N, C-alpha and C. Protein backbone atom coordinates (compact mmCIF):
# COMPACT_ATOMS: atom_id res chain seq x y z
N THR A 1 -60.87 30.76 -11.52
CA THR A 1 -60.40 32.34 -11.70
C THR A 1 -60.76 33.15 -12.34
N GLU A 2 -61.02 33.14 -13.42
CA GLU A 2 -62.12 34.21 -14.05
C GLU A 2 -62.64 34.93 -13.87
N LEU A 3 -64.04 34.23 -13.01
CA LEU A 3 -65.08 34.69 -11.88
C LEU A 3 -64.22 35.12 -10.81
N ASP A 4 -65.57 36.62 -10.35
CA ASP A 4 -65.27 37.32 -9.19
C ASP A 4 -65.42 36.20 -7.70
N PRO A 5 -64.76 36.39 -6.90
CA PRO A 5 -64.99 35.34 -5.75
C PRO A 5 -66.19 34.81 -5.38
N ALA A 6 -67.05 36.07 -5.49
CA ALA A 6 -68.83 35.87 -4.89
C ALA A 6 -69.30 34.25 -5.87
N ARG A 7 -69.22 34.86 -7.19
CA ARG A 7 -69.82 34.23 -8.20
C ARG A 7 -69.20 32.84 -8.47
N ALA A 8 -68.06 32.82 -7.74
CA ALA A 8 -66.99 31.22 -8.01
C ALA A 8 -67.64 30.33 -6.72
N ALA A 9 -67.75 31.32 -5.51
CA ALA A 9 -68.19 30.51 -4.41
C ALA A 9 -69.82 30.37 -4.37
N ALA A 10 -70.52 30.64 -5.07
CA ALA A 10 -71.81 30.16 -5.28
C ALA A 10 -71.66 28.77 -6.31
N ILE A 11 -70.75 28.55 -7.27
CA ILE A 11 -70.77 27.54 -8.09
C ILE A 11 -69.95 26.64 -7.22
N LEU A 12 -69.13 26.67 -6.16
CA LEU A 12 -68.51 25.87 -5.22
C LEU A 12 -69.92 24.99 -4.11
N ASN A 13 -70.67 26.24 -3.92
CA ASN A 13 -71.68 25.68 -2.89
C ASN A 13 -72.52 24.93 -3.45
N ARG A 14 -73.09 24.44 -4.87
CA ARG A 14 -73.85 24.01 -5.35
C ARG A 14 -72.53 22.08 -4.98
N LEU A 15 -71.86 22.36 -5.34
CA LEU A 15 -70.70 20.83 -5.40
C LEU A 15 -71.09 20.45 -3.97
N GLU A 16 -70.78 18.86 -4.45
CA GLU A 16 -70.45 17.99 -2.84
C GLU A 16 -69.05 18.62 -2.04
N VAL A 17 -68.53 18.77 -1.22
CA VAL A 17 -67.54 19.40 -0.36
C VAL A 17 -66.30 18.64 -1.02
N GLN A 18 -66.26 17.30 -1.36
CA GLN A 18 -65.01 16.58 -1.93
C GLN A 18 -65.10 17.05 -3.44
N ASP A 19 -66.15 17.15 -4.13
CA ASP A 19 -65.45 17.78 -5.56
C ASP A 19 -65.36 19.38 -5.57
N ALA A 20 -65.64 19.98 -4.84
CA ALA A 20 -65.37 21.62 -4.40
C ALA A 20 -63.69 21.59 -3.95
N ALA A 21 -63.18 20.59 -2.46
CA ALA A 21 -62.23 20.63 -2.58
C ALA A 21 -61.40 20.18 -3.95
N ALA A 22 -61.50 19.28 -4.40
CA ALA A 22 -60.69 19.16 -5.69
C ALA A 22 -60.45 19.55 -6.88
N LEU A 23 -61.63 20.77 -7.20
CA LEU A 23 -61.25 21.76 -7.90
C LEU A 23 -60.40 22.75 -7.32
N LEU A 24 -60.50 23.29 -5.90
CA LEU A 24 -59.77 24.28 -4.89
C LEU A 24 -58.35 24.02 -5.29
N ARG A 25 -58.04 22.53 -5.06
CA ARG A 25 -56.69 21.76 -4.61
C ARG A 25 -55.97 22.01 -6.32
N THR A 26 -56.72 21.91 -7.21
CA THR A 26 -55.87 22.28 -8.62
C THR A 26 -55.53 23.99 -8.63
N LEU A 27 -55.73 24.59 -7.34
CA LEU A 27 -55.38 26.35 -7.67
C LEU A 27 -54.49 26.60 -6.55
N GLU A 28 -53.55 27.60 -7.12
CA GLU A 28 -52.59 27.88 -5.62
C GLU A 28 -52.81 28.86 -4.50
N PRO A 29 -52.34 28.47 -3.11
CA PRO A 29 -53.25 28.81 -2.12
C PRO A 29 -53.87 30.16 -2.44
N ALA A 30 -52.63 30.91 -2.72
CA ALA A 30 -53.19 32.55 -2.81
C ALA A 30 -54.24 32.41 -3.76
N GLU A 31 -55.03 31.48 -4.11
CA GLU A 31 -55.93 31.64 -5.30
C GLU A 31 -57.11 31.11 -4.89
N GLN A 32 -56.76 30.06 -3.72
CA GLN A 32 -58.11 29.55 -2.99
C GLN A 32 -58.42 30.82 -1.71
N ALA A 33 -57.79 30.90 -1.43
CA ALA A 33 -58.50 31.66 -0.38
C ALA A 33 -59.15 32.98 -0.42
N PRO A 34 -59.37 33.65 -1.57
CA PRO A 34 -60.40 34.75 -1.47
C PRO A 34 -61.58 33.54 -2.30
N LEU A 35 -61.89 32.64 -2.48
CA LEU A 35 -62.72 31.77 -2.40
C LEU A 35 -63.36 31.02 -1.76
N LEU A 36 -62.28 30.71 -0.46
CA LEU A 36 -62.89 30.10 0.41
C LEU A 36 -63.33 31.18 1.85
N ALA A 37 -62.88 32.63 1.43
CA ALA A 37 -63.43 33.24 2.30
C ALA A 37 -64.68 33.94 1.86
N ALA A 38 -65.45 33.50 0.94
CA ALA A 38 -66.25 34.08 0.10
C ALA A 38 -67.75 32.80 -0.21
N LEU A 39 -67.08 31.71 0.73
CA LEU A 39 -68.01 30.62 1.01
C LEU A 39 -69.16 30.71 2.40
N ASP A 40 -69.83 30.31 1.98
CA ASP A 40 -70.81 30.33 3.40
C ASP A 40 -69.50 29.89 4.48
N GLU A 41 -69.45 29.62 5.57
CA GLU A 41 -68.85 29.06 6.58
C GLU A 41 -69.34 28.07 7.11
N ASP A 42 -70.12 27.58 6.53
CA ASP A 42 -70.60 25.96 7.03
C ASP A 42 -70.04 24.96 5.53
N ASP A 43 -70.12 25.33 4.52
CA ASP A 43 -69.24 25.41 3.68
C ASP A 43 -67.74 25.41 3.51
N ALA A 44 -67.19 26.47 4.27
CA ALA A 44 -65.78 26.92 3.91
C ALA A 44 -64.98 25.33 5.26
N GLN A 45 -65.55 25.62 5.92
CA GLN A 45 -65.08 24.74 6.98
C GLN A 45 -65.02 23.41 6.71
N PRO A 46 -65.70 22.45 5.96
CA PRO A 46 -65.65 21.71 5.44
C PRO A 46 -64.76 21.25 4.26
N ILE A 47 -64.43 22.21 3.83
CA ILE A 47 -63.40 22.05 2.22
C ILE A 47 -62.27 22.46 2.50
N SER A 48 -62.15 23.49 3.55
CA SER A 48 -60.68 23.73 4.18
C SER A 48 -60.19 22.58 5.05
N LEU A 49 -61.08 21.86 5.64
CA LEU A 49 -60.21 20.56 6.38
C LEU A 49 -59.74 19.67 5.32
N LEU A 50 -60.77 19.17 4.07
CA LEU A 50 -60.23 18.68 3.09
C LEU A 50 -59.18 19.01 3.08
N LEU A 51 -59.07 20.45 1.99
CA LEU A 51 -57.34 20.75 2.05
C LEU A 51 -56.51 20.69 2.74
N MET A 52 -56.49 20.75 4.28
CA MET A 52 -55.39 20.50 4.74
C MET A 52 -55.13 18.91 4.36
N TYR A 53 -55.40 17.89 3.46
CA TYR A 53 -54.99 16.66 3.53
C TYR A 53 -54.83 16.14 2.02
N PRO A 54 -53.09 16.01 1.91
CA PRO A 54 -52.41 15.48 0.48
C PRO A 54 -53.72 14.70 -0.20
N GLU A 55 -53.49 14.84 -1.27
CA GLU A 55 -54.31 14.27 -2.82
C GLU A 55 -54.13 12.58 -2.06
N GLY A 56 -55.17 11.86 -2.25
CA GLY A 56 -54.49 10.34 -1.84
C GLY A 56 -54.58 9.88 -1.00
N THR A 57 -54.95 10.58 0.49
CA THR A 57 -55.15 10.33 1.44
C THR A 57 -56.71 10.12 2.41
N ALA A 58 -56.60 9.71 3.52
CA ALA A 58 -58.12 9.62 3.85
C ALA A 58 -58.39 11.11 4.08
N GLY A 59 -57.49 11.69 4.75
CA GLY A 59 -58.00 12.74 5.02
C GLY A 59 -58.71 13.27 3.63
N ALA A 60 -57.95 13.42 2.50
CA ALA A 60 -59.00 14.26 1.52
C ALA A 60 -59.93 13.15 0.68
N TYR A 61 -60.04 11.87 1.26
CA TYR A 61 -61.11 11.48 0.72
C TYR A 61 -62.78 11.52 1.65
N MET A 62 -62.26 11.62 2.85
CA MET A 62 -63.10 11.60 4.02
C MET A 62 -64.92 12.62 3.64
N ASP A 63 -65.78 12.21 4.15
CA ASP A 63 -66.83 13.07 4.39
C ASP A 63 -66.86 13.94 5.77
N PRO A 64 -66.02 14.82 5.53
CA PRO A 64 -66.14 15.84 7.09
C PRO A 64 -67.34 16.17 8.19
N ARG A 65 -68.40 15.89 6.94
CA ARG A 65 -69.84 16.16 7.73
C ARG A 65 -70.95 15.17 8.44
N ALA A 66 -69.82 14.09 8.15
CA ALA A 66 -70.26 12.88 8.70
C ALA A 66 -70.85 13.05 10.31
N LEU A 67 -72.11 13.03 10.69
CA LEU A 67 -72.66 13.33 12.02
C LEU A 67 -71.69 12.31 13.29
N CYS A 68 -71.34 12.81 14.21
CA CYS A 68 -70.69 12.89 15.47
C CYS A 68 -71.67 13.33 16.60
N VAL A 69 -71.30 12.64 17.24
CA VAL A 69 -72.39 13.11 18.46
C VAL A 69 -71.84 12.99 19.86
N PRO A 70 -71.81 14.31 21.24
CA PRO A 70 -71.05 13.53 22.52
C PRO A 70 -71.27 12.79 23.23
N ALA A 71 -70.97 12.07 23.95
CA ALA A 71 -70.88 10.64 24.76
C ALA A 71 -71.67 10.88 25.61
N ASP A 72 -71.49 12.17 26.01
CA ASP A 72 -72.67 12.33 27.34
C ASP A 72 -73.57 13.27 27.38
N ILE A 73 -74.69 13.10 26.18
CA ILE A 73 -75.91 13.07 26.02
C ILE A 73 -76.80 11.64 26.06
N THR A 74 -77.96 12.02 25.93
CA THR A 74 -78.86 10.94 26.25
C THR A 74 -79.60 10.74 24.79
N ILE A 75 -80.20 9.37 24.66
CA ILE A 75 -80.61 8.61 23.41
C ILE A 75 -81.44 9.61 22.35
N ASP A 76 -82.58 10.53 23.59
CA ASP A 76 -83.71 11.07 22.65
C ASP A 76 -82.43 12.60 22.46
N GLN A 77 -81.94 12.77 23.14
CA GLN A 77 -80.90 13.97 22.46
C GLN A 77 -80.27 13.79 21.17
N ALA A 78 -79.86 12.35 21.34
CA ALA A 78 -79.05 11.66 20.28
C ALA A 78 -79.84 11.81 19.05
N GLN A 79 -80.79 11.00 19.23
CA GLN A 79 -82.11 10.68 18.01
C GLN A 79 -82.45 12.50 17.28
N GLN A 80 -82.52 13.28 18.23
CA GLN A 80 -83.06 14.89 17.44
C GLN A 80 -81.53 15.34 16.31
N ARG A 81 -80.44 15.45 16.85
CA ARG A 81 -79.37 15.39 16.43
C ARG A 81 -79.05 14.88 14.78
N VAL A 82 -80.02 13.46 14.64
CA VAL A 82 -79.87 12.76 13.92
C VAL A 82 -80.92 13.25 13.14
N ARG A 83 -81.88 13.32 13.18
CA ARG A 83 -82.94 13.83 12.35
C ARG A 83 -82.69 15.23 11.99
N VAL A 84 -82.21 16.23 12.87
CA VAL A 84 -81.87 17.56 12.23
C VAL A 84 -80.81 17.33 11.35
N ARG A 85 -79.78 16.36 11.29
CA ARG A 85 -79.00 16.04 9.92
C ARG A 85 -78.93 15.02 9.35
N TYR A 86 -80.09 14.08 9.10
CA TYR A 86 -80.43 13.21 8.48
C TYR A 86 -79.34 13.28 7.43
N GLN A 87 -79.19 14.11 6.46
CA GLN A 87 -78.23 13.76 5.24
C GLN A 87 -77.37 13.62 5.01
N ARG A 88 -76.52 14.17 6.41
CA ARG A 88 -75.40 13.83 6.79
C ARG A 88 -75.08 12.56 7.52
N THR A 89 -76.26 11.72 7.87
CA THR A 89 -76.37 10.66 8.76
C THR A 89 -76.14 9.04 7.88
N MET A 90 -74.83 8.69 8.20
CA MET A 90 -74.84 7.30 7.52
C MET A 90 -75.60 6.24 7.92
N TYR A 91 -74.70 5.22 8.41
CA TYR A 91 -75.24 3.94 8.78
C TYR A 91 -75.18 3.93 10.42
N TYR A 92 -74.01 4.68 10.80
CA TYR A 92 -73.36 4.74 12.33
C TYR A 92 -73.47 6.32 12.65
N VAL A 93 -73.59 6.45 13.85
CA VAL A 93 -73.40 8.19 14.52
C VAL A 93 -72.10 7.43 15.44
N TYR A 94 -71.37 8.29 15.20
CA TYR A 94 -69.81 8.48 15.77
C TYR A 94 -70.28 8.59 17.10
N VAL A 95 -69.57 8.61 18.37
CA VAL A 95 -69.26 9.38 19.75
C VAL A 95 -68.19 9.74 20.10
N VAL A 96 -68.28 10.88 20.53
CA VAL A 96 -66.70 11.52 20.86
C VAL A 96 -66.63 12.43 22.24
N ASP A 97 -66.00 12.43 22.82
CA ASP A 97 -65.80 13.27 23.88
C ASP A 97 -65.66 14.43 23.63
N ARG A 98 -65.76 15.29 24.84
CA ARG A 98 -65.60 17.01 24.40
C ARG A 98 -64.49 17.21 23.53
N ASP A 99 -63.23 16.61 23.78
CA ASP A 99 -62.31 16.99 22.15
C ASP A 99 -62.12 16.56 21.27
N LYS A 100 -63.46 15.90 21.06
CA LYS A 100 -63.57 15.40 19.69
C LYS A 100 -63.07 13.87 19.59
N GLU A 101 -62.38 13.32 20.35
CA GLU A 101 -61.53 12.10 20.03
C GLU A 101 -62.66 10.81 20.18
N LEU A 102 -62.62 10.60 19.16
CA LEU A 102 -63.42 8.88 18.87
C LEU A 102 -63.36 8.17 20.12
N ILE A 103 -64.60 7.86 20.67
CA ILE A 103 -64.39 6.69 21.67
C ILE A 103 -65.76 5.74 21.22
N GLY A 104 -66.59 5.35 20.53
CA GLY A 104 -67.23 4.77 19.86
C GLY A 104 -68.24 5.30 19.02
N VAL A 105 -68.78 4.15 18.70
CA VAL A 105 -69.81 4.23 18.11
C VAL A 105 -71.06 3.48 18.36
N VAL A 106 -72.63 3.89 17.50
CA VAL A 106 -73.49 3.37 17.30
C VAL A 106 -74.28 3.41 16.27
N ASN A 107 -75.11 2.10 15.78
CA ASN A 107 -75.48 2.01 14.90
C ASN A 107 -77.50 2.43 14.82
N LEU A 108 -77.43 2.95 13.48
CA LEU A 108 -79.09 3.67 14.06
C LEU A 108 -80.24 2.89 14.16
N ARG A 109 -79.95 1.67 13.66
CA ARG A 109 -80.89 0.83 14.76
C ARG A 109 -81.30 0.94 15.79
N GLU A 110 -79.91 0.25 16.59
CA GLU A 110 -79.81 0.36 17.89
C GLU A 110 -80.13 1.61 18.38
N LEU A 111 -79.75 3.06 18.17
CA LEU A 111 -80.22 4.24 18.66
C LEU A 111 -81.50 4.43 18.66
N PHE A 112 -82.56 4.08 17.48
CA PHE A 112 -83.58 4.49 17.37
C PHE A 112 -84.63 3.27 18.50
N MET A 113 -84.17 2.40 18.68
CA MET A 113 -84.82 1.07 19.17
C MET A 113 -84.85 1.44 20.89
N ALA A 114 -83.44 2.29 21.53
CA ALA A 114 -82.96 2.27 22.68
C ALA A 114 -84.05 3.30 23.47
N PRO A 115 -84.16 3.19 24.42
CA PRO A 115 -85.23 3.55 25.74
C PRO A 115 -84.52 5.42 25.54
N LYS A 116 -85.79 6.21 24.92
CA LYS A 116 -85.33 7.54 25.09
C LYS A 116 -84.26 8.73 26.18
N GLY A 117 -84.76 8.28 27.68
CA GLY A 117 -84.10 8.95 28.21
C GLY A 117 -82.97 7.96 29.00
N ALA A 118 -82.27 6.91 28.52
CA ALA A 118 -81.20 6.19 28.66
C ALA A 118 -80.34 7.29 27.66
N PRO A 119 -78.83 6.82 28.88
CA PRO A 119 -77.22 7.94 28.38
C PRO A 119 -76.77 7.05 27.21
N LEU A 120 -76.92 7.94 25.81
CA LEU A 120 -75.92 7.15 24.72
C LEU A 120 -74.82 6.30 25.04
N ALA A 121 -74.03 6.66 25.78
CA ALA A 121 -72.97 5.25 26.35
C ALA A 121 -74.00 3.89 26.72
N SER A 122 -75.06 4.07 27.32
CA SER A 122 -75.45 2.62 27.13
C SER A 122 -75.79 1.70 26.02
N VAL A 123 -75.72 2.69 24.82
CA VAL A 123 -75.95 1.79 23.57
C VAL A 123 -74.51 2.12 22.84
N THR A 124 -73.16 2.59 23.03
CA THR A 124 -72.49 3.02 22.71
C THR A 124 -71.19 1.82 22.28
N ARG A 125 -70.95 1.43 21.24
CA ARG A 125 -69.96 -0.11 21.51
C ARG A 125 -68.93 0.93 21.63
N ARG A 126 -67.61 0.49 22.43
CA ARG A 126 -66.54 1.31 22.68
C ARG A 126 -65.26 0.54 21.38
N THR A 127 -65.25 -0.24 21.06
CA THR A 127 -64.79 -0.75 20.08
C THR A 127 -65.03 -0.15 18.62
N VAL A 128 -63.89 0.24 17.70
CA VAL A 128 -64.44 0.85 16.85
C VAL A 128 -63.44 1.12 15.85
N ALA A 129 -63.74 0.75 14.61
CA ALA A 129 -62.31 0.87 13.73
C ALA A 129 -62.19 1.99 13.38
N ARG A 130 -61.15 2.15 13.05
CA ARG A 130 -60.65 3.78 12.51
C ARG A 130 -59.59 3.76 11.26
N ILE A 131 -59.20 4.77 10.57
CA ILE A 131 -58.15 4.93 9.66
C ILE A 131 -57.93 6.29 10.37
N LYS A 132 -56.62 6.39 9.75
CA LYS A 132 -55.69 7.77 10.48
C LYS A 132 -56.03 8.91 9.36
N ALA A 133 -56.03 9.78 9.17
CA ALA A 133 -56.43 11.05 7.94
C ALA A 133 -54.69 10.72 7.17
N SER A 134 -54.01 10.79 7.63
CA SER A 134 -52.34 10.38 6.98
C SER A 134 -52.39 9.00 5.91
N ALA A 135 -53.44 7.74 5.91
CA ALA A 135 -53.30 6.72 5.45
C ALA A 135 -53.45 7.31 4.24
N ARG A 136 -52.36 6.24 3.20
CA ARG A 136 -52.72 6.47 1.84
C ARG A 136 -53.95 5.02 1.21
N ARG A 137 -54.30 5.96 0.06
CA ARG A 137 -55.74 4.91 -1.07
C ARG A 137 -55.20 3.45 -0.86
N ASN A 138 -53.81 2.99 -0.34
CA ASN A 138 -54.25 1.13 -0.70
C ASN A 138 -54.00 1.32 0.28
N ALA A 139 -53.84 1.76 1.86
CA ALA A 139 -54.40 1.68 3.36
C ALA A 139 -55.95 1.54 3.42
N ILE A 140 -56.56 2.29 2.76
CA ILE A 140 -57.87 2.47 3.10
C ILE A 140 -58.71 1.28 2.17
N VAL A 141 -57.89 1.11 0.77
CA VAL A 141 -58.57 0.30 0.01
C VAL A 141 -58.23 -1.10 0.91
N MET A 142 -57.50 -1.74 1.37
CA MET A 142 -56.80 -2.19 2.24
C MET A 142 -57.43 -2.75 3.65
N HIS A 143 -58.18 -1.65 4.38
CA HIS A 143 -58.06 -1.79 5.82
C HIS A 143 -59.61 -3.37 5.53
N PRO A 144 -59.08 -4.06 6.70
CA PRO A 144 -59.81 -4.85 6.62
C PRO A 144 -61.18 -4.94 7.23
N ARG A 145 -61.62 -3.99 8.15
CA ARG A 145 -62.74 -4.08 8.40
C ARG A 145 -63.79 -3.67 7.30
N TRP A 146 -63.43 -3.57 5.64
CA TRP A 146 -64.49 -3.11 5.01
C TRP A 146 -65.59 -4.36 4.72
N ARG A 147 -65.19 -5.28 5.12
CA ARG A 147 -66.09 -6.83 5.11
C ARG A 147 -66.80 -6.57 5.89
N GLU A 148 -67.00 -5.57 7.07
CA GLU A 148 -68.16 -5.34 7.95
C GLU A 148 -68.85 -4.19 8.12
N LEU A 149 -68.14 -3.23 7.78
CA LEU A 149 -68.82 -1.98 7.80
C LEU A 149 -69.02 -0.94 6.46
N HIS A 150 -70.13 -0.06 6.46
CA HIS A 150 -70.47 0.88 5.56
C HIS A 150 -70.04 2.08 5.27
N THR A 151 -68.71 2.62 6.40
CA THR A 151 -68.51 3.77 6.64
C THR A 151 -66.89 3.51 7.43
N LEU A 152 -66.12 4.34 7.64
CA LEU A 152 -65.11 3.85 8.28
C LEU A 152 -64.88 5.39 8.99
N PRO A 153 -64.67 5.72 10.09
CA PRO A 153 -64.09 6.72 10.71
C PRO A 153 -62.79 7.33 10.43
N VAL A 154 -62.22 8.37 9.75
CA VAL A 154 -61.25 9.13 9.99
C VAL A 154 -60.92 10.05 11.35
N VAL A 155 -59.86 9.69 11.84
CA VAL A 155 -59.11 10.29 13.15
C VAL A 155 -57.95 11.13 12.77
N ASP A 156 -57.85 12.19 13.59
CA ASP A 156 -56.24 12.51 13.24
C ASP A 156 -55.02 12.10 14.31
N ASP A 157 -53.93 11.87 14.21
CA ASP A 157 -52.88 11.43 14.67
C ASP A 157 -53.09 11.39 16.66
N ASP A 158 -53.85 12.28 16.79
CA ASP A 158 -54.09 12.45 18.80
C ASP A 158 -55.62 11.38 18.58
N GLY A 159 -56.35 10.85 17.74
CA GLY A 159 -57.54 10.08 18.03
C GLY A 159 -58.78 10.88 17.32
N ARG A 160 -59.21 12.06 17.39
CA ARG A 160 -59.63 13.30 17.54
C ARG A 160 -60.22 12.75 15.66
N TYR A 161 -61.57 12.86 16.00
CA TYR A 161 -62.86 12.72 14.82
C TYR A 161 -62.43 13.51 13.81
N LEU A 162 -62.77 13.32 12.68
CA LEU A 162 -62.73 14.34 11.44
C LEU A 162 -63.63 14.43 10.88
N GLY A 163 -64.29 12.65 9.88
CA GLY A 163 -64.92 12.63 9.47
C GLY A 163 -65.01 10.99 9.30
N ALA A 164 -65.81 10.80 8.26
CA ALA A 164 -66.09 9.05 7.99
C ALA A 164 -65.62 9.12 6.63
N ILE A 165 -65.17 7.42 5.91
CA ILE A 165 -65.34 7.37 4.42
C ILE A 165 -66.15 6.34 4.02
N ARG A 166 -66.98 6.77 3.40
CA ARG A 166 -68.29 5.80 2.52
C ARG A 166 -67.34 4.60 1.64
N TYR A 167 -68.23 3.99 2.03
CA TYR A 167 -68.35 2.82 1.00
C TYR A 167 -68.11 3.25 -0.29
N ARG A 168 -69.19 3.80 -0.87
CA ARG A 168 -69.04 4.12 -2.64
C ARG A 168 -67.31 4.78 -2.48
N THR A 169 -67.23 5.61 -1.07
CA THR A 169 -66.05 6.44 -1.74
C THR A 169 -64.81 5.18 -2.15
N LEU A 170 -64.82 4.16 -1.05
CA LEU A 170 -63.73 2.96 -1.16
C LEU A 170 -64.08 2.26 -2.97
N ARG A 171 -65.28 1.88 -3.35
CA ARG A 171 -65.29 1.16 -4.28
C ARG A 171 -65.10 2.43 -5.13
N ARG A 172 -64.83 3.69 -5.81
CA ARG A 172 -64.36 4.38 -6.33
C ARG A 172 -62.79 4.32 -6.53
N LEU A 173 -62.07 4.07 -4.82
CA LEU A 173 -60.96 3.91 -4.88
C LEU A 173 -60.21 2.64 -5.47
N GLU A 174 -61.27 1.85 -5.17
CA GLU A 174 -60.72 0.29 -6.00
C GLU A 174 -60.79 -0.01 -7.28
N VAL A 175 -61.71 1.03 -7.78
CA VAL A 175 -61.27 0.74 -9.17
C VAL A 175 -60.60 1.92 -9.58
N GLU A 176 -60.03 3.06 -9.45
CA GLU A 176 -58.80 4.05 -8.86
C GLU A 176 -57.58 2.92 -9.48
N SER A 177 -57.54 2.61 -8.27
CA SER A 177 -56.17 1.04 -7.66
C SER A 177 -56.02 0.07 -8.88
N ALA A 178 -57.47 -0.60 -9.22
CA ALA A 178 -57.39 -1.43 -10.53
C ALA A 178 -56.48 -0.68 -11.68
N SER A 179 -57.66 0.50 -12.20
CA SER A 179 -56.80 1.07 -13.34
C SER A 179 -55.24 1.33 -13.49
N GLU A 180 -55.04 1.75 -12.02
CA GLU A 180 -53.51 2.50 -12.27
C GLU A 180 -52.52 1.18 -12.04
N SER A 181 -52.89 0.09 -11.46
CA SER A 181 -52.47 -1.14 -11.79
C SER A 181 -51.88 -1.67 -13.07
N LYS A 182 -53.19 -1.63 -13.95
CA LYS A 182 -53.04 -1.67 -15.29
C LYS A 182 -52.26 -0.64 -15.94
N ARG A 183 -52.28 0.28 -15.68
CA ARG A 183 -51.46 1.03 -16.69
C ARG A 183 -50.01 0.98 -15.99
N LYS A 184 -49.39 0.58 -15.13
CA LYS A 184 -48.37 0.22 -14.50
C LYS A 184 -48.02 -1.19 -14.87
N HIS A 185 -48.62 -2.11 -15.01
CA HIS A 185 -48.58 -2.96 -15.05
C HIS A 185 -49.27 -4.13 -16.44
N PRO A 186 -49.03 -3.48 -17.43
CA PRO A 186 -50.66 -3.80 -18.77
C PRO A 186 -50.91 -5.51 -18.92
N LEU A 187 -49.36 -6.07 -18.73
CA LEU A 187 -49.53 -7.52 -19.15
C LEU A 187 -50.07 -8.78 -18.55
N THR A 188 -50.09 -8.03 -16.99
CA THR A 188 -50.58 -9.03 -16.11
C THR A 188 -52.25 -8.86 -15.79
N VAL A 189 -52.79 -10.28 -15.62
CA VAL A 189 -54.17 -10.38 -15.66
C VAL A 189 -54.59 -10.17 -14.39
């Protein structure tokens, strides 16, 4: 708050979006607004999305930049999108309809082994685990699909894709939960 918004935004631009959102969360909305306005659009949008969800929820912990692609493209078009956004691509590519409703998932190996001209739908698995953005930390940590998945997609109440929680975030949340449990119940093993 002591810096002019442009200088503060330059610092925030260098942080991961979750870290930038955590810093901005400590400010009043009136203090956040000029900083968000000074950010690049590519950084302001995902940070603003994270700030929409209360601390301790899946919406606050997700990576809003995790790649999703529309269902009505071809394999080679999806591969190209992965190549362009490879820094944000995890183990899976989430498939959405034109309203951004999550309708499926394809893992990267399957995507790059598929015939290039084929429709993406030919390799999309329609059954996909998900968690709502409003889910609290305990629900995230206890989600039964973590035994099988590296990321878990986050959706809003209407099923629209918002981002994904990475496994490394899960591990951090497990540590936080264990520490909190020890503070509340110091005599338990």
